[in-house]
Amino acid sequence: MRSILCYLLFAIGGTVTYVCAEEKEQIGSDTLENILFVDDFDAKCVVPDTAIWKLCTYANNAWSQYFRGVDGYENVKVEEGYLKLRACKDNGTYKNGGVFSKIGFPCGTRLEVKARLTKLVRGGFPAIWQMPIGAPEWPRGGEIDLMEWVQGSPKQIFQTVHTFYINGENGSAGVTNKEPDKNFDVTKDHVYAVQRTEKELIFYVDGKETWKYENQHLDKEKLQYPFCEYPFNIILNFSLGGELNGMMTWPGEIHDEDLPGEMWVDWVRVVLLDNNKINE
């Protein structure tokens, strides 16, 4: 059924903007009143909506080092109802594909992303994740990883939480699901989700709870749970690992024969939880 769906966009400064878009079908079971944001990538334009999405850029770290040589939207396109993010080697240069939302979403919401990989790429680093807007340096504001895949565990995905309480100043390992599905096919369509409240983060795959990270309400350690201190954006990327500063990264060695690889995102939505209200 086709309809006109009006949803809310929470801008960085806290401003609420109403946006209307044509919806290709009912996505999930939530009522339209609870859906704050939907992008089903059905627009006729060949790039994602630039009012919402911005291209990821280079930084000296494992996931973004290969955005350096990317020319505009060459590895990001909207086609056949999907946002397609591509990782490749072009004339000897490795290139990532990725976008992040310009807008952030408040606590008391659930983010859901339906996506799949077209194939497994050794050395690939596809991810669906969230970072805080306006927070101090990483990881003081936290990081939420709904889906990460690396070749070291090809039949599972990682859903991970990073905070200063967990990581400290320099550590990179967060806490993740201790009992993941180890026969998982990331090339199939799946809905990856996280529910964020004052009480806890609850992770899901295809509507099934996978694990949770709880707010311990530590009087002297507020950095244990910073996830309601800031709005969190949405990051979607297919990156490549390989070496960085002379050391092998977590995604491992890049196998050129596996390239290119793509992550196809069918839709993204943010749902307001039932016990939360928006003051209009």
C-alpha atoms as a PDB file:
ATOM      1  CA  MET A   1       0.000   0.000   0.000  1.00  0.00           C
ATOM      2  CA  ARG A   2       1.336   3.417  -0.930  1.00  0.00           C
ATOM      3  CA  SER A   3       0.699   6.414   1.287  1.00  0.00           C
ATOM      4  CA  ILE A   4       2.133   9.755   2.300  1.00  0.00           C
ATOM      5  CA  LEU A   5       4.143   9.459   5.512  1.00  0.00           C
ATOM      6  CA  CYS A   6       5.003  12.525   7.581  1.00  0.00           C
ATOM      7  CA  TYR A   7       7.859  12.058  10.002  1.00  0.00           C
ATOM      8  CA  LEU A   8      10.060  14.116  12.279  1.00  0.00           C
ATOM      9  CA  LEU A   9      13.680  14.984  11.737  1.00  0.00           C
ATOM     10  CA  PHE A  10      15.629  15.963  14.811  1.00  0.00           C
ATOM     11  CA  ALA A  11      18.247  18.457  13.708  1.00  0.00           C
ATOM     12  CA  ILE A  12      21.566  18.859  15.455  1.00  0.00           C
ATOM     13  CA  GLY A  13      20.461  21.904  17.416  1.00  0.00           C
ATOM     14  CA  GLY A  14      17.311  20.222  18.678  1.00  0.00           C
ATOM     15  CA  THR A  15      14.986  21.825  16.134  1.00  0.00           C
ATOM     16  CA  VAL A  16      12.116  19.644  14.979  1.00  0.00           C
ATOM     17  CA  THR A  17      11.405  19.707  11.240  1.00  0.00           C
ATOM     18  CA  TYR A  18       8.429  18.037   9.558  1.00  0.00           C
ATOM     19  CA  VAL A  19       9.204  16.230   6.338  1.00  0.00           C
ATOM     20  CA  CYS A  20       6.760  14.325   4.129  1.00  0.00           C
ATOM     21  CA  ALA A  21       7.812  11.513   1.806  1.00  0.00           C
ATOM     22  CA  GLU A  22       6.027   8.903  -0.269  1.00  0.00           C
ATOM     23  CA  GLU A  23       6.239   5.504   1.381  1.00  0.00           C
ATOM     24  CA  LYS A  24       6.542   2.430  -0.822  1.00  0.00           C
ATOM     25  CA  GLU A  25       5.047   0.030   1.738  1.00  0.00           C
ATOM     26  CA  GLN A  26       4.297  -0.454   5.396  1.00  0.00           C
ATOM     27  CA  ILE A  27       7.618  -1.155   7.094  1.00  0.00           C
ATOM     28  CA  GLY A  28       7.163  -3.295  10.179  1.00  0.00           C
ATOM     29  CA  SER A  29       4.305  -3.257  12.647  1.00  0.00           C
ATOM     30  CA  ASP A  30       4.730   0.104  14.372  1.00  0.00           C
ATOM     31  CA  THR A  31       2.068   2.733  13.904  1.00  0.00           C
ATOM     32  CA  LEU A  32       2.882   5.653  11.638  1.00  0.00           C
ATOM     33  CA  GLU A  33       2.512   7.996  14.615  1.00  0.00           C
ATOM     34  CA  ASN A  34       5.514   6.347  16.287  1.00  0.00           C
ATOM     35  CA  ILE A  35       7.829   6.565  13.290  1.00  0.00           C
ATOM     36  CA  LEU A  36      10.085   9.615  13.570  1.00  0.00           C
ATOM     37  CA  PHE A  37      12.181   9.047  10.476  1.00  0.00           C
ATOM     38  CA  VAL A  38      12.153   6.811   7.409  1.00  0.00           C
ATOM     39  CA  ASP A  39      14.357   6.699   4.340  1.00  0.00           C
ATOM     40  CA  ASP A  40      13.517   3.836   1.988  1.00  0.00           C
ATOM     41  CA  PHE A  41      15.798   5.099  -0.813  1.00  0.00           C
ATOM     42  CA  ASP A  42      13.008   5.000  -3.377  1.00  0.00           C
ATOM     43  CA  ALA A  43      13.601   8.515  -4.678  1.00  0.00           C
ATOM     44  CA  LYS A  44      14.369   8.989  -8.359  1.00  0.00           C
ATOM     45  CA  CYS A  45      17.673  10.754  -7.642  1.00  0.00           C
ATOM     46  CA  VAL A  46      20.834   8.649  -7.867  1.00  0.00           C
ATOM     47  CA  VAL A  47      22.396   9.900  -4.624  1.00  0.00           C
ATOM     48  CA  PRO A  48      20.983   9.892  -1.082  1.00  0.00           C
ATOM     49  CA  ASP A  49      19.090  12.974   0.089  1.00  0.00           C
ATOM     50  CA  THR A  50      21.776  15.591   0.738  1.00  0.00           C
ATOM     51  CA  ALA A  51      19.554  17.325   3.289  1.00  0.00           C
ATOM     52  CA  ILE A  52      19.846  14.193   5.436  1.00  0.00           C
ATOM     53  CA  TRP A  53      23.002  12.313   4.436  1.00  0.00           C
ATOM     54  CA  LYS A  54      26.603  13.445   4.075  1.00  0.00           C
ATOM     55  CA  LEU A  55      29.552  11.539   2.626  1.00  0.00           C
ATOM     56  CA  CYS A  56      32.042  10.017   5.062  1.00  0.00           C
ATOM     57  CA  THR A  57      35.514  11.523   4.821  1.00  0.00           C
ATOM     58  CA  TYR A  58      39.125  10.558   5.433  1.00  0.00           C
ATOM     59  CA  ALA A  59      40.655  10.160   8.875  1.00  0.00           C
ATOM     60  CA  ASN A  60      43.715   8.255  10.047  1.00  0.00           C
ATOM     61  CA  ASN A  61      41.908   5.224  11.452  1.00  0.00           C
ATOM     62  CA  ALA A  62      40.948   1.720  10.379  1.00  0.00           C
ATOM     63  CA  TRP A  63      37.477   2.433   9.029  1.00  0.00           C
ATOM     64  CA  SER A  64      38.052   5.727   7.224  1.00  0.00           C
ATOM     65  CA  GLN A  65      41.607   5.687   5.867  1.00  0.00           C
ATOM     66  CA  TYR A  66      40.397   4.780   2.360  1.00  0.00           C
ATOM     67  CA  PHE A  67      37.944   7.629   1.969  1.00  0.00           C
ATOM     68  CA  ARG A  68      40.944   9.753   0.990  1.00  0.00           C
ATOM     69  CA  GLY A  69      40.895   8.888  -2.729  1.00  0.00           C
ATOM     70  CA  VAL A  70      37.127   8.832  -3.215  1.00  0.00           C
ATOM     71  CA  ASP A  71      35.735  11.295  -5.762  1.00  0.00           C
ATOM     72  CA  GLY A  72      32.314  12.474  -4.617  1.00  0.00           C
ATOM     73  CA  TYR A  73      29.565   9.875  -4.869  1.00  0.00           C
ATOM     74  CA  GLU A  74      31.476   7.337  -6.976  1.00  0.00           C
ATOM     75  CA  ASN A  75      31.065   4.655  -4.282  1.00  0.00           C
ATOM     76  CA  VAL A  76      27.659   5.746  -2.990  1.00  0.00           C
ATOM     77  CA  LYS A  77      24.492   5.573  -5.070  1.00  0.00           C
ATOM     78  CA  VAL A  78      20.745   5.074  -4.845  1.00  0.00           C
ATOM     79  CA  GLU A  79      19.532   2.443  -7.273  1.00  0.00           C
ATOM     80  CA  GLU A  80      16.657  -0.067  -7.487  1.00  0.00           C
ATOM     81  CA  GLY A  81      15.302   1.039  -4.115  1.00  0.00           C
ATOM     82  CA  TYR A  82      18.610   0.542  -2.284  1.00  0.00           C
ATOM     83  CA  LEU A  83      21.392   2.703  -0.963  1.00  0.00           C
ATOM     84  CA  LYS A  84      24.448   0.930  -2.383  1.00  0.00           C
ATOM     85  CA  LEU A  85      27.785   1.440  -0.610  1.00  0.00           C
ATOM     86  CA  ARG A  86      30.813   0.138  -2.489  1.00  0.00           C
ATOM     87  CA  ALA A  87      34.376  -0.754  -1.508  1.00  0.00           C
ATOM     88  CA  CYS A  88      36.842  -1.299  -4.351  1.00  0.00           C
ATOM     89  CA  LYS A  89      40.338  -0.913  -5.750  1.00  0.00           C
ATOM     90  CA  ASP A  90      40.505   1.623  -8.566  1.00  0.00           C
ATOM     91  CA  ASN A  91      43.770   2.149 -10.488  1.00  0.00           C
ATOM     92  CA  GLY A  92      45.755   0.870  -7.528  1.00  0.00           C
ATOM     93  CA  THR A  93      43.858   2.928  -4.936  1.00  0.00           C
ATOM     94  CA  TYR A  94      41.583   1.394  -2.309  1.00  0.00           C
ATOM     95  CA  LYS A  95      38.303   3.257  -1.877  1.00  0.00           C
ATOM     96  CA  ASN A  96      35.496   3.089   0.688  1.00  0.00           C
ATOM     97  CA  GLY A  97      31.836   4.012   0.405  1.00  0.00           C
ATOM     98  CA  GLY A  98      29.888   5.534   3.270  1.00  0.00           C
ATOM     99  CA  VAL A  99      27.448   8.153   4.521  1.00  0.00           C
ATOM    100  CA  PHE A 100      26.360   9.558   7.867  1.00  0.00           C
ATOM    101  CA  SER A 101      23.226  11.429   8.864  1.00  0.00           C
ATOM    102  CA  LYS A 102      23.443  15.154   9.475  1.00  0.00           C
ATOM    103  CA  ILE A 103      20.699  14.796  12.048  1.00  0.00           C
ATOM    104  CA  GLY A 104      20.784  13.099  15.419  1.00  0.00           C
ATOM    105  CA  PHE A 105      18.059  11.243  17.285  1.00  0.00           C
ATOM    106  CA  PRO A 106      17.193  11.389  20.985  1.00  0.00           C
ATOM    107  CA  CYS A 107      17.110   8.791  23.721  1.00  0.00           C
ATOM    108  CA  GLY A 108      13.878   6.844  23.886  1.00  0.00           C
ATOM    109  CA  THR A 109      14.050   5.642  20.304  1.00  0.00           C
ATOM    110  CA  ARG A 110      14.823   2.501  18.333  1.00  0.00           C
ATOM    111  CA  LEU A 111      16.973   2.561  15.200  1.00  0.00           C
ATOM    112  CA  GLU A 112      16.327  -0.162  12.605  1.00  0.00           C
ATOM    113  CA  VAL A 113      18.264  -0.759   9.394  1.00  0.00           C
ATOM    114  CA  LYS A 114      17.497  -3.430   6.798  1.00  0.00           C
ATOM    115  CA  ALA A 115      20.626  -4.350   4.846  1.00  0.00           C
ATOM    116  CA  ARG A 116      22.755  -7.082   3.315  1.00  0.00           C
ATOM    117  CA  LEU A 117      26.192  -7.591   1.812  1.00  0.00           C
ATOM    118  CA  THR A 118      26.400  -8.651  -1.828  1.00  0.00           C
ATOM    119  CA  LYS A 119      29.299 -10.969  -0.946  1.00  0.00           C
ATOM    120  CA  LEU A 120      32.031 -11.505   1.627  1.00  0.00           C
ATOM    121  CA  VAL A 121      35.172  -9.450   1.099  1.00  0.00           C
ATOM    122  CA  ARG A 122      38.244 -10.484   3.051  1.00  0.00           C
ATOM    123  CA  GLY A 123      39.664  -7.320   4.545  1.00  0.00           C
ATOM    124  CA  GLY A 124      36.277  -5.634   4.243  1.00  0.00           C
ATOM    125  CA  PHE A 125      34.849  -3.635   7.125  1.00  0.00           C
ATOM    126  CA  PRO A 126      31.112  -3.008   6.552  1.00  0.00           C
ATOM    127  CA  ALA A 127      29.281  -1.416   9.451  1.00  0.00           C
ATOM    128  CA  ILE A 128      26.024   0.102  10.669  1.00  0.00           C
ATOM    129  CA  TRP A 129      26.586   2.268  13.716  1.00  0.00           C
ATOM    130  CA  GLN A 130      25.916   5.443  15.689  1.00  0.00           C
ATOM    131  CA  MET A 131      27.999   8.239  17.159  1.00  0.00           C
ATOM    132  CA  PRO A 132      26.988  11.134  19.439  1.00  0.00           C
ATOM    133  CA  ILE A 133      26.667  14.661  18.079  1.00  0.00           C
ATOM    134  CA  GLY A 134      28.375  17.356  20.140  1.00  0.00           C
ATOM    135  CA  ALA A 135      30.169  14.964  22.502  1.00  0.00           C
ATOM    136  CA  PRO A 136      33.790  15.256  23.695  1.00  0.00           C
ATOM    137  CA  GLU A 137      36.491  13.189  22.054  1.00  0.00           C
ATOM    138  CA  TRP A 138      35.911   9.464  21.505  1.00  0.00           C
ATOM    139  CA  PRO A 139      34.907   7.421  23.427  1.00  0.00           C
ATOM    140  CA  ARG A 140      33.599   9.774  26.127  1.00  0.00           C
ATOM    141  CA  GLY A 141      30.265  10.209  24.358  1.00  0.00           C
ATOM    142  CA  GLY A 142      29.922   6.506  23.549  1.00  0.00           C
ATOM    143  CA  GLU A 143      29.624   4.518  20.323  1.00  0.00           C
ATOM    144  CA  ILE A 144      26.909   2.031  19.319  1.00  0.00           C
ATOM    145  CA  ASP A 145      27.656  -0.617  16.678  1.00  0.00           C
ATOM    146  CA  LEU A 146      24.542  -2.342  15.343  1.00  0.00           C
ATOM    147  CA  MET A 147      26.490  -4.434  12.835  1.00  0.00           C
ATOM    148  CA  GLU A 148      30.151  -4.944  12.034  1.00  0.00           C
ATOM    149  CA  TRP A 149      31.633  -7.757   9.971  1.00  0.00           C
ATOM    150  CA  VAL A 150      35.271  -8.845   9.647  1.00  0.00           C
ATOM    151  CA  GLN A 151      36.926 -11.810   7.958  1.00  0.00           C
ATOM    152  CA  GLY A 152      38.231 -13.267  11.213  1.00  0.00           C
ATOM    153  CA  SER A 153      34.677 -14.372  12.081  1.00  0.00           C
ATOM    154  CA  PRO A 154      32.962 -14.682   8.696  1.00  0.00           C
ATOM    155  CA  LYS A 155      29.809 -16.381  10.017  1.00  0.00           C
ATOM    156  CA  GLN A 156      28.932 -13.853  12.690  1.00  0.00           C
ATOM    157  CA  ILE A 157      28.417 -10.132  13.125  1.00  0.00           C
ATOM    158  CA  PHE A 158      29.455  -7.926  16.028  1.00  0.00           C
ATOM    159  CA  GLN A 159      27.099  -5.662  17.970  1.00  0.00           C
ATOM    160  CA  THR A 160      29.311  -3.624  20.251  1.00  0.00           C
ATOM    161  CA  VAL A 161      29.252  -0.787  22.778  1.00  0.00           C
ATOM    162  CA  HIS A 162      32.165   1.587  23.390  1.00  0.00           C
ATOM    163  CA  THR A 163      32.418   4.029  26.311  1.00  0.00           C
ATOM    164  CA  PHE A 164      35.251   5.700  28.205  1.00  0.00           C
ATOM    165  CA  TYR A 165      34.336   3.484  31.161  1.00  0.00           C
ATOM    166  CA  ILE A 166      35.008   0.412  28.992  1.00  0.00           C
ATOM    167  CA  ASN A 167      37.770   1.678  26.737  1.00  0.00           C
ATOM    168  CA  GLY A 168      39.705   4.268  28.698  1.00  0.00           C
ATOM    169  CA  GLU A 169      41.805   6.782  26.816  1.00  0.00           C
ATOM    170  CA  ASN A 170      43.339   4.548  24.155  1.00  0.00           C
ATOM    171  CA  GLY A 171      41.638   1.160  24.164  1.00  0.00           C
ATOM    172  CA  SER A 172      39.612   0.090  21.153  1.00  0.00           C
ATOM    173  CA  ALA A 173      37.864  -3.090  22.290  1.00  0.00           C
ATOM    174  CA  GLY A 174      34.335  -2.530  23.561  1.00  0.00           C
ATOM    175  CA  VAL A 175      31.845  -4.986  25.017  1.00  0.00           C
ATOM    176  CA  THR A 176      29.817  -7.159  22.671  1.00  0.00           C
ATOM    177  CA  ASN A 177      27.361 -10.029  22.568  1.00  0.00           C
ATOM    178  CA  LYS A 178      28.966 -12.999  24.332  1.00  0.00           C
ATOM    179  CA  GLU A 179      26.700 -15.543  22.622  1.00  0.00           C
ATOM    180  CA  PRO A 180      26.435 -14.477  18.965  1.00  0.00           C
ATOM    181  CA  ASP A 181      24.921 -16.570  16.196  1.00  0.00           C
ATOM    182  CA  LYS A 182      27.995 -18.255  14.685  1.00  0.00           C
ATOM    183  CA  ASN A 183      26.170 -19.518  11.627  1.00  0.00           C
ATOM    184  CA  PHE A 184      24.987 -16.110  10.435  1.00  0.00           C
ATOM    185  CA  ASP A 185      24.714 -15.257   6.735  1.00  0.00           C
ATOM    186  CA  VAL A 186      25.398 -11.549   6.329  1.00  0.00           C
ATOM    187  CA  THR A 187      24.657 -11.773   2.584  1.00  0.00           C
ATOM    188  CA  LYS A 188      20.959 -12.279   3.385  1.00  0.00           C
ATOM    189  CA  ASP A 189      18.572  -9.423   4.188  1.00  0.00           C
ATOM    190  CA  HIS A 190      18.485  -8.722   7.915  1.00  0.00           C
ATOM    191  CA  VAL A 191      17.047  -5.994  10.111  1.00  0.00           C
ATOM    192  CA  TYR A 192      19.643  -4.731  12.592  1.00  0.00           C
ATOM    193  CA  ALA A 193      18.292  -2.677  15.480  1.00  0.00           C
ATOM    194  CA  VAL A 194      19.126  -1.032  18.783  1.00  0.00           C
ATOM    195  CA  GLN A 195      16.725   0.392  21.346  1.00  0.00           C
ATOM    196  CA  ARG A 196      18.154   3.238  23.438  1.00  0.00           C
ATOM    197  CA  THR A 197      16.594   4.291  26.744  1.00  0.00           C
ATOM    198  CA  GLU A 198      17.736   5.695  30.092  1.00  0.00           C
ATOM    199  CA  LYS A 199      17.752   2.121  31.390  1.00  0.00           C
ATOM    200  CA  GLU A 200      19.662   0.200  28.711  1.00  0.00           C
ATOM    201  CA  LEU A 201      20.663  -0.458  25.138  1.00  0.00           C
ATOM    202  CA  ILE A 202      18.903  -3.507  23.684  1.00  0.00           C
ATOM    203  CA  PHE A 203      20.239  -4.994  20.440  1.00  0.00           C
ATOM    204  CA  TYR A 204      18.187  -6.996  17.945  1.00  0.00           C
ATOM    205  CA  VAL A 205      18.565  -8.931  14.710  1.00  0.00           C
ATOM    206  CA  ASP A 206      15.383  -9.637  12.732  1.00  0.00           C
ATOM    207  CA  GLY A 207      13.240  -8.692  15.715  1.00  0.00           C
ATOM    208  CA  LYS A 208      14.992 -11.075  18.114  1.00  0.00           C
ATOM    209  CA  GLU A 209      16.852  -9.643  21.095  1.00  0.00           C
ATOM    210  CA  THR A 210      20.550 -10.525  20.947  1.00  0.00           C
ATOM    211  CA  TRP A 211      21.957  -8.800  24.046  1.00  0.00           C
ATOM    212  CA  LYS A 212      21.731  -5.688  26.198  1.00  0.00           C
ATOM    213  CA  TYR A 213      24.024  -3.155  27.833  1.00  0.00           C
ATOM    214  CA  GLU A 214      22.589  -1.762  31.063  1.00  0.00           C
ATOM    215  CA  ASN A 215      22.942   1.600  32.770  1.00  0.00           C
ATOM    216  CA  GLN A 216      24.578   0.810  36.114  1.00  0.00           C
ATOM    217  CA  HIS A 217      23.802   4.297  37.502  1.00  0.00           C
ATOM    218  CA  LEU A 218      27.286   4.644  38.960  1.00  0.00           C
ATOM    219  CA  ASP A 219      27.477   7.817  41.084  1.00  0.00           C
ATOM    220  CA  LYS A 220      31.154   8.435  40.352  1.00  0.00           C
ATOM    221  CA  GLU A 221      31.224   7.144  36.780  1.00  0.00           C
ATOM    222  CA  LYS A 222      28.657   8.785  34.533  1.00  0.00           C
ATOM    223  CA  LEU A 223      30.769   7.842  31.511  1.00  0.00           C
ATOM    224  CA  GLN A 224      29.618   4.237  31.954  1.00  0.00           C
ATOM    225  CA  TYR A 225      26.350   5.165  30.226  1.00  0.00           C
ATOM    226  CA  PRO A 226      26.514   8.381  28.170  1.00  0.00           C
ATOM    227  CA  PHE A 227      23.864   7.255  25.687  1.00  0.00           C
ATOM    228  CA  CYS A 228      21.164   9.705  26.736  1.00  0.00           C
ATOM    229  CA  GLU A 229      23.448  12.716  27.046  1.00  0.00           C
ATOM    230  CA  TYR A 230      23.558  13.492  23.309  1.00  0.00           C
ATOM    231  CA  PRO A 231      21.607  12.908  20.104  1.00  0.00           C
ATOM    232  CA  PHE A 232      23.125  10.065  18.065  1.00  0.00           C
ATOM    233  CA  ASN A 233      23.498  10.063  14.295  1.00  0.00           C
ATOM    234  CA  ILE A 234      23.495   7.102  11.884  1.00  0.00           C
ATOM    235  CA  ILE A 235      26.570   5.887   9.977  1.00  0.00           C
ATOM    236  CA  LEU A 236      26.434   3.398   7.095  1.00  0.00           C
ATOM    237  CA  ASN A 237      29.643   2.312   5.402  1.00  0.00           C
ATOM    238  CA  PHE A 238      31.518  -0.396   3.543  1.00  0.00           C
ATOM    239  CA  SER A 239      35.167   0.226   4.352  1.00  0.00           C
ATOM    240  CA  LEU A 240      38.411  -1.670   3.870  1.00  0.00           C
ATOM    241  CA  GLY A 241      40.941  -2.527   6.555  1.00  0.00           C
ATOM    242  CA  GLY A 242      44.457  -3.623   5.668  1.00  0.00           C
ATOM    243  CA  GLU A 243      47.464  -1.958   7.256  1.00  0.00           C
ATOM    244  CA  LEU A 244      47.432   1.368   9.060  1.00  0.00           C
ATOM    245  CA  ASN A 245      50.601   3.094  10.225  1.00  0.00           C
ATOM    246  CA  GLY A 246      52.557  -0.117   9.664  1.00  0.00           C
ATOM    247  CA  MET A 247      50.197  -2.343  11.667  1.00  0.00           C
ATOM    248  CA  MET A 248      47.436  -4.698  10.543  1.00  0.00           C
ATOM    249  CA  THR A 249      43.945  -3.499  11.448  1.00  0.00           C
ATOM    250  CA  TRP A 250      41.127  -5.606  12.927  1.00  0.00           C
ATOM    251  CA  PRO A 251      39.458  -6.247   9.508  1.00  0.00           C
ATOM    252  CA  GLY A 252      42.699  -7.870   8.361  1.00  0.00           C
ATOM    253  CA  GLU A 253      44.538  -8.092   5.060  1.00  0.00           C
ATOM    254  CA  ILE A 254      42.651  -6.916   1.975  1.00  0.00           C
ATOM    255  CA  HIS A 255      42.247  -9.584  -0.706  1.00  0.00           C
ATOM    256  CA  ASP A 256      42.035  -7.769  -4.021  1.00  0.00           C
ATOM    257  CA  GLU A 257      40.462 -10.773  -5.740  1.00  0.00           C
ATOM    258  CA  ASP A 258      37.355 -10.349  -3.546  1.00  0.00           C
ATOM    259  CA  LEU A 259      36.765  -6.761  -4.653  1.00  0.00           C
ATOM    260  CA  PRO A 260      34.544  -4.933  -5.259  1.00  0.00           C
ATOM    261  CA  GLY A 261      32.083  -5.505  -2.453  1.00  0.00           C
ATOM    262  CA  GLU A 262      28.862  -3.717  -1.622  1.00  0.00           C
ATOM    263  CA  MET A 263      26.427  -3.252   1.227  1.00  0.00           C
ATOM    264  CA  TRP A 264      22.855  -2.661   0.054  1.00  0.00           C
ATOM    265  CA  VAL A 265      20.646  -0.772   2.514  1.00  0.00           C
ATOM    266  CA  ASP A 266      16.926  -1.264   1.845  1.00  0.00           C
ATOM    267  CA  TRP A 267      15.644   1.160   4.461  1.00  0.00           C
ATOM    268  CA  VAL A 268      16.477   3.059   7.633  1.00  0.00           C
ATOM    269  CA  ARG A 269      13.979   4.115  10.233  1.00  0.00           C
ATOM    270  CA  VAL A 270      13.840   5.552  13.744  1.00  0.00           C
ATOM    271  CA  VAL A 271      10.867   4.702  15.958  1.00  0.00           C
ATOM    272  CA  LEU A 272       9.718   6.635  19.016  1.00  0.00           C
ATOM    273  CA  LEU A 273       9.144   4.245  21.904  1.00  0.00           C
ATOM    274  CA  ASP A 274       5.626   4.117  23.333  1.00  0.00           C
ATOM    275  CA  ASN A 275       6.513   5.655  26.691  1.00  0.00           C
ATOM    276  CA  ASN A 276       8.032   8.767  25.105  1.00  0.00           C
ATOM    277  CA  LYS A 277       6.256  11.848  23.800  1.00  0.00           C
ATOM    278  CA  ILE A 278       7.386  14.672  21.572  1.00  0.00           C
ATOM    279  CA  ASN A 279       6.434  18.209  22.535  1.00  0.00           C
ATOM    280  CA  GLU A 280       5.280  19.815  19.304  1.00  0.00           C
END
